[in-house]
Amino acid sequence: MRNKNVWVLLILLLTGVVLGGFVGHVTEGISFLSWLSFGESFGLNTPLVLDLGILVITFGLSIKITMAGIIGIILALLVYRWL
């Protein structure tokens, strides 16, 4: 049994999320594929700002999960399992 690398899993998951988000964005205008762009966005609506006088640091995080992104994650997990 081979040891599977965690970095490979991380790269595959990120690829699945990005490609799934892209597919969801592209299929927004297509009526029979518009369900792929269905999703929810969550995170910080207004970023946190830390003003130190000479340095301003802004913290923010927003994540949009779509159906295509979920399918991309599932496919990435299947590919990782197959490797």
Protein backbone atom coordinates (compact mmCIF):
# COMPACT_ATOMS: atom_id res chain seq x y z
CA MET A 1 0.00 0.00 0.00
CA ARG A 2 1.43 3.36 -1.02
CA ASN A 3 1.45 6.38 1.23
CA LYS A 4 -0.64 9.10 -0.35
CA ASN A 5 0.73 12.61 -0.20
CA VAL A 6 -1.39 15.25 1.56
CA TRP A 7 -0.08 17.92 -0.83
CA VAL A 8 -1.48 16.01 -3.79
CA LEU A 9 -4.87 15.93 -2.09
CA LEU A 10 -4.71 19.66 -1.38
CA ILE A 11 -3.77 20.49 -4.98
CA LEU A 12 -6.53 18.24 -6.33
CA LEU A 13 -9.13 19.79 -4.00
CA LEU A 14 -8.10 23.33 -4.93
CA THR A 15 -8.21 22.40 -8.60
CA GLY A 16 -11.69 20.90 -8.15
CA VAL A 17 -12.95 24.01 -6.38
CA VAL A 18 -11.50 26.41 -8.95
CA LEU A 19 -12.68 24.43 -11.98
CA GLY A 20 -16.08 23.87 -10.39
CA GLY A 21 -16.43 27.58 -9.66
CA PHE A 22 -15.44 28.38 -13.24
CA VAL A 23 -17.99 25.91 -14.63
CA GLY A 24 -20.65 27.36 -12.32
CA HIS A 25 -19.87 30.88 -13.49
CA VAL A 26 -19.88 29.92 -17.18
CA THR A 27 -23.19 28.02 -16.95
CA GLU A 28 -25.11 30.84 -15.21
CA GLY A 29 -26.76 32.00 -18.44
CA ILE A 30 -27.61 28.56 -19.81
CA SER A 31 -31.14 27.66 -18.75
CA PHE A 32 -30.79 23.88 -18.40
CA LEU A 33 -27.37 24.14 -16.68
CA SER A 34 -28.09 27.13 -14.44
CA TRP A 35 -28.52 24.81 -11.44
CA LEU A 36 -24.73 24.36 -11.46
CA SER A 37 -24.29 28.01 -10.43
CA PHE A 38 -26.73 27.68 -7.51
CA GLY A 39 -24.91 28.28 -4.26
CA GLU A 40 -24.32 30.44 -1.24
CA SER A 41 -21.68 32.96 -0.32
CA PHE A 42 -20.44 33.38 3.24
CA GLY A 43 -17.66 35.16 5.04
CA LEU A 44 -16.89 38.68 6.18
CA ASN A 45 -19.12 41.28 4.52
CA THR A 46 -16.91 44.14 5.63
CA PRO A 47 -13.20 43.46 6.02
CA LEU A 48 -11.42 43.93 9.33
CA VAL A 49 -8.93 46.80 9.13
CA LEU A 50 -5.95 47.16 11.44
CA ASP A 51 -4.47 50.67 11.11
CA LEU A 52 -1.01 50.92 12.68
CA GLY A 53 -0.25 54.44 11.49
CA ILE A 54 2.35 53.66 8.85
CA LEU A 55 0.90 50.26 7.98
CA VAL A 56 -2.69 49.30 7.28
CA ILE A 57 -3.56 45.60 7.30
CA THR A 58 -6.90 44.43 5.92
CA PHE A 59 -8.33 41.00 6.74
CA GLY A 60 -11.17 39.55 4.72
CA LEU A 61 -12.46 36.18 3.62
CA SER A 62 -15.43 35.32 1.44
CA ILE A 63 -16.24 31.89 0.07
CA LYS A 64 -18.85 31.05 -2.55
CA ILE A 65 -19.86 27.42 -2.67
CA THR A 66 -21.78 26.33 -5.79
CA MET A 67 -23.17 23.00 -6.94
CA ALA A 68 -20.45 22.82 -9.60
CA GLY A 69 -17.83 23.44 -6.89
CA ILE A 70 -19.21 20.57 -4.82
CA ILE A 71 -19.13 18.30 -7.87
CA GLY A 72 -15.53 19.41 -8.48
CA ILE A 73 -14.58 18.51 -4.90
CA ILE A 74 -16.21 15.09 -5.22
CA LEU A 75 -14.40 14.44 -8.51
CA ALA A 76 -11.10 15.52 -6.94
CA LEU A 77 -11.62 13.09 -4.06
CA LEU A 78 -12.41 10.29 -6.53
CA VAL A 79 -9.26 11.06 -8.52
CA TYR A 80 -7.19 11.09 -5.31
CA ARG A 81 -8.64 7.75 -4.29
CA TRP A 82 -7.89 6.33 -7.74
CA LEU A 83 -4.20 7.44 -7.56
